[in-house]
Amino acid sequence: MKASLSNYRQSPRKVRLVANAVKGKSLAAADTVLSYMPKRAAEPIQKLIKSAAANAAVLGADLSTLVVTNVEVNKGIVMKRIRARAMGVAKRINKRTSHVDVTLGDAPVKKQGK
């Protein structure tokens, strides 16, 4: 059960802060964490997790047992822009994008000790 978001207009470094906060959490816990997180990337990742859950429901998975097994944030395209600086010099501004992939899976079974 996967979902992906391509060319999200925020740098991967900032998106990874949000992505790492929901790894290993259940769908309900991840939704709660993201709804109260004050980061801009929280809303798109929340929508992406809901999309992956909808994909899992179509495949017949039980949504109550699913957890966010992996959230992978990779570098997307970089848009290069120019800004005029002092003494007739131009400096480059890099506008970075991210590719986000969410994978849902079943919760790992805990073994009881002796």
Protein backbone atom coordinates (compact mmCIF):
# COMPACT_ATOMS: atom_id res chain seq x y z
CA MET A 1 0.00 0.00 0.00
CA LYS A 2 1.80 3.03 -1.30
CA ALA A 3 1.22 6.62 -2.32
CA SER A 4 3.62 9.20 -3.72
CA LEU A 5 3.87 12.97 -4.10
CA SER A 6 6.19 14.37 -6.77
CA ASN A 7 7.80 17.79 -7.00
CA TYR A 8 6.40 19.17 -3.73
CA ARG A 9 7.70 22.76 -3.52
CA GLN A 10 9.61 22.57 -0.25
CA SER A 11 13.14 21.47 0.44
CA PRO A 12 13.67 17.80 1.39
CA ARG A 13 15.48 18.76 4.58
CA LYS A 14 12.37 20.51 5.95
CA VAL A 15 9.99 17.77 4.78
CA ARG A 16 12.08 15.04 6.45
CA LEU A 17 11.47 16.66 9.86
CA VAL A 18 7.76 16.01 9.45
CA ALA A 19 8.20 12.59 7.80
CA ASN A 20 10.36 11.21 10.60
CA ALA A 21 7.74 12.19 13.19
CA VAL A 22 5.16 9.72 11.82
CA LYS A 23 7.31 6.69 10.94
CA GLY A 24 6.13 3.59 12.79
CA LYS A 25 2.88 5.13 14.02
CA SER A 26 -0.63 3.82 13.39
CA LEU A 27 -2.87 5.70 10.97
CA ALA A 28 -4.87 7.34 13.76
CA ALA A 29 -1.76 8.38 15.69
CA ALA A 30 -0.07 9.76 12.57
CA ASP A 31 -3.21 11.74 11.69
CA THR A 32 -3.34 13.23 15.19
CA VAL A 33 0.35 14.16 15.21
CA LEU A 34 0.16 15.80 11.78
CA SER A 35 -3.02 17.73 12.51
CA TYR A 36 -1.33 19.53 15.45
CA MET A 37 2.12 19.94 13.88
CA PRO A 38 2.93 23.60 13.02
CA LYS A 39 5.02 22.76 9.93
CA ARG A 40 3.92 23.54 6.37
CA ALA A 41 4.72 20.01 5.14
CA ALA A 42 2.35 18.42 7.69
CA GLU A 43 -0.80 18.92 5.60
CA PRO A 44 0.50 17.40 2.32
CA ILE A 45 1.97 14.41 4.18
CA GLN A 46 -1.32 13.95 6.04
CA LYS A 47 -3.18 13.92 2.71
CA LEU A 48 -0.62 11.48 1.31
CA ILE A 49 -1.11 9.07 4.22
CA LYS A 50 -4.88 9.25 3.74
CA SER A 51 -4.37 8.50 0.05
CA ALA A 52 -2.23 5.46 0.88
CA ALA A 53 -4.94 4.31 3.34
CA ALA A 54 -7.57 4.65 0.60
CA ASN A 55 -5.35 2.59 -1.73
CA ALA A 56 -5.09 -0.06 1.00
CA ALA A 57 -8.86 -0.08 1.49
CA VAL A 58 -9.36 -0.72 -2.23
CA LEU A 59 -7.02 -3.70 -1.95
CA GLY A 60 -9.04 -5.04 1.00
CA ALA A 61 -6.65 -4.35 3.89
CA ASP A 62 -7.84 -3.83 7.46
CA LEU A 63 -7.19 -0.14 8.21
CA SER A 64 -7.13 -0.62 11.99
CA THR A 65 -3.97 -2.75 11.81
CA LEU A 66 -2.01 -0.60 9.36
CA VAL A 67 1.00 1.45 10.40
CA VAL A 68 3.21 3.89 8.52
CA THR A 69 6.17 1.62 7.83
CA ASN A 70 8.22 4.04 5.74
CA VAL A 71 8.13 7.66 4.62
CA GLU A 72 10.89 8.37 2.11
CA VAL A 73 11.76 11.94 1.14
CA ASN A 74 14.06 12.35 -1.86
CA LYS A 75 15.39 15.32 -3.78
CA GLY A 76 13.27 16.52 -6.70
CA ILE A 77 14.08 19.02 -9.41
CA VAL A 78 15.83 22.26 -8.49
CA MET A 79 14.54 25.44 -10.11
CA LYS A 80 17.36 27.93 -10.59
CA ARG A 81 16.57 31.62 -10.27
CA ILE A 82 18.74 34.73 -10.36
CA ARG A 83 18.76 37.65 -7.92
CA ALA A 84 20.59 40.90 -8.62
CA ARG A 85 23.21 41.80 -6.02
CA ALA A 86 25.61 44.68 -5.45
CA MET A 87 28.06 45.95 -8.08
CA GLY A 88 26.28 44.38 -11.04
CA VAL A 89 26.65 40.80 -9.83
CA ALA A 90 23.91 38.17 -10.08
CA LYS A 91 23.65 35.34 -7.55
CA ARG A 92 21.76 32.10 -8.03
CA ILE A 93 18.79 31.12 -5.85
CA ASN A 94 17.99 27.38 -5.75
CA LYS A 95 14.29 26.58 -5.29
CA ARG A 96 14.30 22.95 -4.19
CA THR A 97 11.52 20.37 -4.48
CA SER A 98 10.86 17.00 -2.85
CA HIS A 99 9.57 13.59 -3.86
CA VAL A 100 7.70 11.91 -0.99
CA ASP A 101 6.80 8.19 -0.91
CA VAL A 102 4.62 6.70 1.85
CA THR A 103 4.41 2.95 2.50
CA LEU A 104 1.84 1.39 4.82
CA GLY A 105 2.10 -2.11 6.24
CA ASP A 106 0.76 -4.34 8.96
CA ALA A 107 1.88 -3.76 12.53
CA PRO A 108 4.71 -6.06 13.58
CA VAL A 109 3.61 -8.91 15.85
CA LYS A 110 5.10 -8.65 19.32
CA LYS A 111 6.47 -11.87 20.73
CA GLN A 112 5.82 -12.60 24.38
CA GLY A 113 8.93 -13.30 26.43
CA LYS A 114 9.50 -16.18 28.82
